[in-house]
Amino acid sequence: MFNIREMKAEDKAIIMPMVITFYHSPVVEHDVDTAVLERTFDAATDPAMPYISGLVMLEDEKVVGYGYVTGYYASEVGGMCMFMEEMYFTPECRGKGYGTKAYHWIIDHYPEYKRFRIEVTESNVNAKRLYERWGFRFLEYNQMVLDR
């Protein structure tokens, strides 16, 4: 049985290896320092940090994946937006429909959000197809960043 629960600080030993695997896979196009990834986990499990939540994916009570979601207000939507930062499943749990179940859980769990966003690399053709089936569409502009 598939289930989702909130991430807890004591999940770090099992989640961080998955995070490292995710960030060293072809779906990520740039290097991210491990210290940054650990800081993200810590923020996602800190009740004082309202902008990010960690999700633990379970199959029969065994941890098989994780995800991060962040919220923000967008003027072009006139409401809150949810950015689905990461979603990772162990290789043996892929293709079982758990990504779709997690997506529906997120949509149902956050009904006040007006827009949901997700990133996908050009090379991740299967993910793009899946996200389009879920109703996602590409925004026709490029994003720029300034990291500090």
N, C-alpha and C. Protein backbone atom coordinates (compact mmCIF):
# COMPACT_ATOMS: atom_id res chain seq x y z
N MET A 1 0.84 -1.18 0.00
CA MET A 1 0.00 0.00 0.00
C MET A 1 0.89 1.25 0.00
N PHE A 2 0.54 2.24 -0.82
CA PHE A 2 1.29 3.49 -0.93
C PHE A 2 0.69 4.53 0.00
N ASN A 3 1.58 5.28 0.66
CA ASN A 3 1.15 6.32 1.59
C ASN A 3 2.16 7.45 1.58
N ILE A 4 1.74 8.61 2.04
CA ILE A 4 2.61 9.79 2.16
C ILE A 4 2.45 10.36 3.56
N ARG A 5 3.57 10.80 4.13
CA ARG A 5 3.52 11.49 5.41
C ARG A 5 4.51 12.65 5.39
N GLU A 6 4.37 13.53 6.35
CA GLU A 6 5.29 14.66 6.48
C GLU A 6 6.68 14.14 6.86
N MET A 7 7.69 14.78 6.35
CA MET A 7 9.08 14.44 6.65
C MET A 7 9.43 14.91 8.07
N LYS A 8 10.24 14.11 8.75
CA LYS A 8 10.69 14.45 10.11
C LYS A 8 12.21 14.47 10.15
N ALA A 9 12.76 15.18 11.12
CA ALA A 9 14.22 15.29 11.25
C ALA A 9 14.87 13.91 11.35
N GLU A 10 14.21 12.97 11.99
CA GLU A 10 14.80 11.63 12.15
C GLU A 10 14.82 10.83 10.84
N ASP A 11 14.23 11.35 9.78
CA ASP A 11 14.27 10.70 8.46
C ASP A 11 15.57 10.99 7.71
N LYS A 12 16.42 11.84 8.23
CA LYS A 12 17.58 12.32 7.49
C LYS A 12 18.48 11.19 6.99
N ALA A 13 18.74 10.19 7.81
CA ALA A 13 19.65 9.10 7.42
C ALA A 13 19.14 8.31 6.22
N ILE A 14 17.85 8.20 6.06
CA ILE A 14 17.31 7.45 4.92
C ILE A 14 17.00 8.35 3.72
N ILE A 15 16.65 9.60 3.96
CA ILE A 15 16.29 10.51 2.86
C ILE A 15 17.52 11.09 2.17
N MET A 16 18.55 11.47 2.91
CA MET A 16 19.70 12.14 2.30
C MET A 16 20.39 11.29 1.23
N PRO A 17 20.55 9.99 1.38
CA PRO A 17 21.12 9.22 0.27
C PRO A 17 20.27 9.29 -1.01
N MET A 18 18.95 9.35 -0.85
CA MET A 18 18.07 9.52 -2.01
C MET A 18 18.27 10.89 -2.64
N VAL A 19 18.41 11.92 -1.80
CA VAL A 19 18.64 13.28 -2.30
C VAL A 19 19.94 13.32 -3.11
N ILE A 20 20.99 12.71 -2.57
CA ILE A 20 22.29 12.68 -3.26
C ILE A 20 22.16 11.95 -4.60
N THR A 21 21.45 10.82 -4.60
CA THR A 21 21.23 10.06 -5.84
C THR A 21 20.48 10.91 -6.86
N PHE A 22 19.43 11.60 -6.41
CA PHE A 22 18.65 12.46 -7.29
C PHE A 22 19.54 13.53 -7.93
N TYR A 23 20.37 14.18 -7.12
CA TYR A 23 21.19 15.28 -7.61
C TYR A 23 22.40 14.84 -8.44
N HIS A 24 22.67 13.56 -8.46
CA HIS A 24 23.74 13.03 -9.31
C HIS A 24 23.17 12.21 -10.46
N SER A 25 21.92 12.49 -10.81
CA SER A 25 21.27 11.78 -11.91
C SER A 25 21.12 12.72 -13.11
N PRO A 26 20.78 12.18 -14.26
CA PRO A 26 20.63 13.01 -15.46
C PRO A 26 19.47 14.02 -15.40
N VAL A 27 18.56 13.88 -14.43
CA VAL A 27 17.45 14.83 -14.35
C VAL A 27 17.85 16.17 -13.73
N VAL A 28 19.07 16.25 -13.23
CA VAL A 28 19.59 17.51 -12.69
C VAL A 28 20.76 17.94 -13.56
N GLU A 29 20.70 19.18 -14.03
CA GLU A 29 21.68 19.64 -15.01
C GLU A 29 22.83 20.46 -14.43
N HIS A 30 22.94 20.53 -13.12
CA HIS A 30 24.04 21.28 -12.52
C HIS A 30 24.37 20.69 -11.15
N ASP A 31 25.60 20.93 -10.72
CA ASP A 31 26.03 20.43 -9.42
C ASP A 31 25.45 21.28 -8.29
N VAL A 32 25.13 20.62 -7.20
CA VAL A 32 24.67 21.31 -6.00
C VAL A 32 25.49 20.78 -4.84
N ASP A 33 26.05 21.69 -4.07
CA ASP A 33 26.87 21.32 -2.92
C ASP A 33 26.05 20.52 -1.92
N THR A 34 26.63 19.47 -1.38
CA THR A 34 25.94 18.62 -0.40
C THR A 34 25.49 19.42 0.82
N ALA A 35 26.26 20.41 1.20
CA ALA A 35 25.87 21.25 2.35
C ALA A 35 24.55 21.97 2.07
N VAL A 36 24.34 22.38 0.83
CA VAL A 36 23.08 23.03 0.44
C VAL A 36 21.94 22.02 0.52
N LEU A 37 22.17 20.81 0.07
CA LEU A 37 21.14 19.77 0.12
C LEU A 37 20.76 19.44 1.56
N GLU A 38 21.74 19.40 2.44
CA GLU A 38 21.47 19.15 3.86
C GLU A 38 20.71 20.31 4.48
N ARG A 39 21.06 21.53 4.09
CA ARG A 39 20.36 22.71 4.60
C ARG A 39 18.89 22.67 4.16
N THR A 40 18.65 22.21 2.94
CA THR A 40 17.27 22.09 2.45
C THR A 40 16.50 21.06 3.27
N PHE A 41 17.11 19.91 3.52
CA PHE A 41 16.43 18.90 4.35
C PHE A 41 16.09 19.49 5.71
N ASP A 42 17.06 20.16 6.33
CA ASP A 42 16.84 20.75 7.66
C ASP A 42 15.70 21.76 7.63
N ALA A 43 15.63 22.58 6.59
CA ALA A 43 14.55 23.56 6.48
C ALA A 43 13.20 22.86 6.31
N ALA A 44 13.18 21.80 5.52
CA ALA A 44 11.93 21.09 5.24
C ALA A 44 11.38 20.37 6.46
N THR A 45 12.21 20.14 7.45
CA THR A 45 11.75 19.44 8.66
C THR A 45 11.67 20.39 9.86
N ASP A 46 11.88 21.67 9.64
CA ASP A 46 11.85 22.68 10.70
C ASP A 46 10.46 23.31 10.76
N PRO A 47 9.72 23.10 11.84
CA PRO A 47 8.37 23.68 11.95
C PRO A 47 8.36 25.21 11.87
N ALA A 48 9.49 25.84 12.15
CA ALA A 48 9.56 27.30 12.08
C ALA A 48 9.76 27.80 10.65
N MET A 49 9.95 26.91 9.70
CA MET A 49 10.16 27.29 8.29
C MET A 49 8.88 26.98 7.51
N PRO A 50 8.03 27.97 7.30
CA PRO A 50 6.72 27.71 6.69
C PRO A 50 6.73 27.56 5.17
N TYR A 51 7.84 27.85 4.51
CA TYR A 51 7.83 27.93 3.06
C TYR A 51 8.17 26.62 2.35
N ILE A 52 8.66 25.63 3.07
CA ILE A 52 9.03 24.36 2.44
C ILE A 52 8.54 23.22 3.32
N SER A 53 8.05 22.19 2.67
CA SER A 53 7.61 20.98 3.37
C SER A 53 8.26 19.78 2.71
N GLY A 54 8.63 18.81 3.53
CA GLY A 54 9.17 17.56 3.03
C GLY A 54 8.11 16.48 3.11
N LEU A 55 8.08 15.64 2.09
CA LEU A 55 7.13 14.53 2.04
C LEU A 55 7.90 13.23 1.94
N VAL A 56 7.47 12.23 2.68
CA VAL A 56 8.08 10.90 2.64
C VAL A 56 7.08 9.96 1.99
N MET A 57 7.54 9.26 0.96
CA MET A 57 6.71 8.31 0.23
C MET A 57 6.96 6.91 0.79
N LEU A 58 5.90 6.19 1.08
CA LEU A 58 6.00 4.88 1.72
C LEU A 58 5.28 3.81 0.92
N GLU A 59 5.88 2.64 0.86
CA GLU A 59 5.23 1.45 0.33
C GLU A 59 5.24 0.43 1.45
N ASP A 60 4.05 0.09 1.93
CA ASP A 60 3.95 -0.85 3.06
C ASP A 60 4.86 -0.43 4.21
N GLU A 61 4.83 0.85 4.54
CA GLU A 61 5.58 1.46 5.64
C GLU A 61 7.09 1.52 5.41
N LYS A 62 7.58 1.11 4.25
CA LYS A 62 8.99 1.24 3.89
C LYS A 62 9.17 2.51 3.08
N VAL A 63 10.18 3.33 3.43
CA VAL A 63 10.43 4.57 2.71
C VAL A 63 10.96 4.24 1.32
N VAL A 64 10.24 4.74 0.30
CA VAL A 64 10.62 4.46 -1.09
C VAL A 64 10.81 5.73 -1.91
N GLY A 65 10.69 6.88 -1.27
CA GLY A 65 10.87 8.13 -2.00
C GLY A 65 10.64 9.32 -1.11
N TYR A 66 10.86 10.49 -1.72
CA TYR A 66 10.66 11.74 -1.00
C TYR A 66 10.27 12.83 -1.99
N GLY A 67 9.81 13.93 -1.46
CA GLY A 67 9.53 15.10 -2.27
C GLY A 67 9.61 16.34 -1.42
N TYR A 68 9.83 17.48 -2.06
CA TYR A 68 9.78 18.78 -1.40
C TYR A 68 8.78 19.65 -2.15
N VAL A 69 7.99 20.42 -1.42
CA VAL A 69 7.09 21.39 -2.00
C VAL A 69 7.30 22.73 -1.30
N THR A 70 7.23 23.80 -2.09
CA THR A 70 7.37 25.15 -1.53
C THR A 70 6.22 26.00 -2.02
N GLY A 71 5.81 26.94 -1.19
CA GLY A 71 4.72 27.82 -1.56
C GLY A 71 5.16 29.27 -1.65
N TYR A 72 4.48 30.01 -2.55
CA TYR A 72 4.75 31.44 -2.70
C TYR A 72 3.53 32.10 -3.35
N TYR A 73 3.43 33.41 -3.23
CA TYR A 73 2.35 34.16 -3.85
C TYR A 73 2.81 34.66 -5.21
N ALA A 74 1.97 34.56 -6.22
CA ALA A 74 2.29 35.04 -7.56
C ALA A 74 1.22 36.02 -8.01
N SER A 75 1.65 37.21 -8.37
CA SER A 75 0.69 38.24 -8.79
C SER A 75 0.00 37.86 -10.10
N GLU A 76 0.68 37.15 -10.99
CA GLU A 76 0.05 36.79 -12.26
C GLU A 76 -1.06 35.75 -12.10
N VAL A 77 -1.10 35.11 -10.93
CA VAL A 77 -2.15 34.13 -10.64
C VAL A 77 -3.17 34.72 -9.66
N GLY A 78 -2.73 35.71 -8.90
CA GLY A 78 -3.60 36.30 -7.89
C GLY A 78 -3.83 35.36 -6.73
N GLY A 79 -2.81 34.58 -6.39
CA GLY A 79 -2.95 33.64 -5.29
C GLY A 79 -1.68 32.86 -5.05
N MET A 80 -1.81 31.89 -4.18
CA MET A 80 -0.66 31.07 -3.81
C MET A 80 -0.34 30.06 -4.90
N CYS A 81 0.96 29.83 -5.07
CA CYS A 81 1.46 28.83 -6.02
C CYS A 81 2.28 27.81 -5.25
N MET A 82 2.24 26.58 -5.71
CA MET A 82 3.00 25.49 -5.12
C MET A 82 4.04 25.06 -6.13
N PHE A 83 5.29 25.09 -5.73
CA PHE A 83 6.36 24.60 -6.58
C PHE A 83 6.74 23.22 -6.07
N MET A 84 6.56 22.21 -6.90
CA MET A 84 6.92 20.85 -6.53
C MET A 84 8.41 20.70 -6.86
N GLU A 85 9.23 20.94 -5.85
CA GLU A 85 10.67 21.05 -6.01
C GLU A 85 11.33 19.77 -6.51
N GLU A 86 11.06 18.70 -5.84
CA GLU A 86 11.69 17.42 -6.17
C GLU A 86 10.70 16.31 -5.89
N MET A 87 10.81 15.26 -6.67
CA MET A 87 10.09 14.03 -6.38
C MET A 87 10.99 12.90 -6.83
N TYR A 88 11.31 12.03 -5.90
CA TYR A 88 12.24 10.93 -6.18
C TYR A 88 11.64 9.64 -5.64
N PHE A 89 11.74 8.58 -6.44
CA PHE A 89 11.37 7.24 -5.99
C PHE A 89 12.53 6.30 -6.25
N THR A 90 12.71 5.33 -5.38
CA THR A 90 13.75 4.33 -5.58
C THR A 90 13.45 3.57 -6.88
N PRO A 91 14.50 3.07 -7.55
CA PRO A 91 14.28 2.40 -8.85
C PRO A 91 13.25 1.28 -8.82
N GLU A 92 13.22 0.49 -7.75
CA GLU A 92 12.27 -0.63 -7.70
C GLU A 92 10.81 -0.18 -7.53
N CYS A 93 10.60 1.09 -7.23
CA CYS A 93 9.23 1.59 -7.05
C CYS A 93 8.76 2.47 -8.20
N ARG A 94 9.57 2.61 -9.21
CA ARG A 94 9.16 3.40 -10.38
C ARG A 94 8.24 2.57 -11.27
N GLY A 95 7.36 3.25 -11.95
CA GLY A 95 6.44 2.57 -12.85
C GLY A 95 5.25 1.94 -12.16
N LYS A 96 5.06 2.22 -10.90
CA LYS A 96 3.93 1.65 -10.15
C LYS A 96 2.78 2.65 -9.98
N GLY A 97 2.94 3.83 -10.57
CA GLY A 97 1.90 4.86 -10.44
C GLY A 97 2.02 5.69 -9.18
N TYR A 98 3.12 5.53 -8.44
CA TYR A 98 3.28 6.28 -7.20
C TYR A 98 3.46 7.78 -7.44
N GLY A 99 4.11 8.15 -8.53
CA GLY A 99 4.27 9.57 -8.86
C GLY A 99 2.91 10.23 -9.06
N THR A 100 2.03 9.55 -9.76
CA THR A 100 0.68 10.07 -9.99
C THR A 100 -0.08 10.15 -8.68
N LYS A 101 0.06 9.14 -7.84
CA LYS A 101 -0.61 9.18 -6.53
C LYS A 101 -0.08 10.33 -5.68
N ALA A 102 1.24 10.55 -5.72
CA ALA A 102 1.83 11.65 -4.96
C ALA A 102 1.33 12.99 -5.49
N TYR A 103 1.29 13.12 -6.81
CA TYR A 103 0.77 14.35 -7.42
C TYR A 103 -0.66 14.63 -6.94
N HIS A 104 -1.53 13.63 -7.00
CA HIS A 104 -2.92 13.82 -6.56
C HIS A 104 -2.98 14.14 -5.07
N TRP A 105 -2.13 13.51 -4.28
CA TRP A 105 -2.10 13.80 -2.84
C TRP A 105 -1.75 15.27 -2.62
N ILE A 106 -0.76 15.77 -3.34
CA ILE A 106 -0.34 17.17 -3.19
C ILE A 106 -1.47 18.11 -3.60
N ILE A 107 -2.09 17.85 -4.73
CA ILE A 107 -3.20 18.69 -5.20
C ILE A 107 -4.34 18.70 -4.18
N ASP A 108 -4.68 17.53 -3.64
CA ASP A 108 -5.77 17.42 -2.67
C ASP A 108 -5.38 18.02 -1.31
N HIS A 109 -4.12 17.87 -0.92
CA HIS A 109 -3.65 18.31 0.40
C HIS A 109 -3.51 19.83 0.49
N TYR A 110 -3.36 20.50 -0.64
CA TYR A 110 -3.16 21.95 -0.68
C TYR A 110 -4.23 22.60 -1.56
N PRO A 111 -5.51 22.52 -1.19
CA PRO A 111 -6.58 23.02 -2.05
C PRO A 111 -6.58 24.54 -2.22
N GLU A 112 -5.93 25.26 -1.34
CA GLU A 112 -5.92 26.72 -1.42
C GLU A 112 -4.97 27.26 -2.48
N TYR A 113 -4.13 26.40 -3.05
CA TYR A 113 -3.16 26.84 -4.05
C TYR A 113 -3.81 26.94 -5.43
N LYS A 114 -3.50 28.02 -6.14
CA LYS A 114 -4.11 28.31 -7.44
C LYS A 114 -3.30 27.75 -8.61
N ARG A 115 -2.00 27.60 -8.44
CA ARG A 115 -1.14 27.11 -9.52
C ARG A 115 -0.10 26.16 -8.92
N PHE A 116 0.19 25.13 -9.68
CA PHE A 116 1.25 24.20 -9.31
C PHE A 116 2.30 24.25 -10.41
N ARG A 117 3.57 24.28 -9.99
CA ARG A 117 4.68 24.35 -10.95
C ARG A 117 5.64 23.20 -10.69
N ILE A 118 6.32 22.83 -11.75
CA ILE A 118 7.30 21.76 -11.66
C ILE A 118 8.39 22.03 -12.68
N GLU A 119 9.62 21.62 -12.39
CA GLU A 119 10.72 21.74 -13.34
C GLU A 119 10.95 20.38 -13.99
N VAL A 120 11.39 20.43 -15.24
CA VAL A 120 11.74 19.21 -15.94
C VAL A 120 12.84 19.54 -16.94
N THR A 121 13.82 18.67 -17.04
CA THR A 121 14.89 18.88 -18.02
C THR A 121 14.41 18.41 -19.40
N GLU A 122 15.00 18.99 -20.43
CA GLU A 122 14.65 18.61 -21.80
C GLU A 122 14.85 17.12 -22.04
N SER A 123 15.89 16.56 -21.42
CA SER A 123 16.22 15.15 -21.67
C SER A 123 15.28 14.17 -20.95
N ASN A 124 14.49 14.65 -20.00
CA ASN A 124 13.62 13.77 -19.23
C ASN A 124 12.27 13.63 -19.93
N VAL A 125 12.28 12.96 -21.08
CA VAL A 125 11.12 12.85 -21.96
C VAL A 125 9.95 12.16 -21.26
N ASN A 126 10.20 11.10 -20.52
CA ASN A 126 9.12 10.38 -19.86
C ASN A 126 8.42 11.26 -18.82
N ALA A 127 9.20 12.02 -18.06
CA ALA A 127 8.60 12.91 -17.07
C ALA A 127 7.77 13.99 -17.75
N LYS A 128 8.28 14.55 -18.84
CA LYS A 128 7.51 15.58 -19.55
C LYS A 128 6.17 15.04 -20.01
N ARG A 129 6.17 13.85 -20.56
CA ARG A 129 4.92 13.22 -21.02
C ARG A 129 3.96 13.02 -19.85
N LEU A 130 4.49 12.54 -18.73
CA LEU A 130 3.66 12.32 -17.55
C LEU A 130 3.06 13.63 -17.06
N TYR A 131 3.88 14.66 -16.94
CA TYR A 131 3.40 15.95 -16.44
C TYR A 131 2.35 16.55 -17.37
N GLU A 132 2.52 16.37 -18.65
CA GLU A 132 1.52 16.86 -19.59
C GLU A 132 0.20 16.09 -19.43
N ARG A 133 0.28 14.79 -19.17
CA ARG A 133 -0.94 14.01 -18.90
C ARG A 133 -1.65 14.52 -17.66
N TRP A 134 -0.86 14.99 -16.69
CA TRP A 134 -1.45 15.53 -15.47
C TRP A 134 -2.08 16.90 -15.69
N GLY A 135 -1.81 17.52 -16.86
CA GLY A 135 -2.39 18.83 -17.16
C GLY A 135 -1.40 19.98 -17.14
N PHE A 136 -0.13 19.70 -16.86
CA PHE A 136 0.87 20.77 -16.88
C PHE A 136 1.13 21.20 -18.32
N ARG A 137 1.50 22.46 -18.48
CA ARG A 137 1.88 23.00 -19.78
C ARG A 137 3.15 23.82 -19.59
N PHE A 138 3.87 24.02 -20.67
CA PHE A 138 5.09 24.81 -20.60
C PHE A 138 4.76 26.30 -20.62
N LEU A 139 5.43 27.06 -19.77
CA LEU A 139 5.35 28.51 -19.83
C LEU A 139 6.33 28.97 -20.89
N GLU A 140 5.96 29.92 -21.68
CA GLU A 140 6.77 30.32 -22.83
C GLU A 140 7.71 31.48 -22.51
N TYR A 141 8.44 31.37 -21.43
CA TYR A 141 9.50 32.34 -21.15
C TYR A 141 10.61 31.66 -20.37
N ASN A 142 11.77 32.26 -20.43
CA ASN A 142 12.93 31.71 -19.72
C ASN A 142 13.03 32.34 -18.35
N GLN A 143 13.49 31.56 -17.42
CA GLN A 143 13.74 32.09 -16.08
C GLN A 143 15.20 32.45 -15.94
N MET A 144 15.45 33.46 -15.15
CA MET A 144 16.83 33.84 -14.82
C MET A 144 16.97 33.77 -13.31
N VAL A 145 18.16 33.53 -12.83
CA VAL A 145 18.38 33.46 -11.38
C VAL A 145 19.60 34.29 -11.00
N LEU A 146 19.59 34.73 -9.76
CA LEU A 146 20.74 35.35 -9.14
C LEU A 146 20.88 34.68 -7.78
N ASP A 147 21.89 33.87 -7.61
CA ASP A 147 22.10 33.17 -6.34
C ASP A 147 22.97 34.03 -5.42
N ARG A 148 22.66 33.97 -4.14
CA ARG A 148 23.46 34.70 -3.15
C ARG A 148 23.87 33.77 -2.05
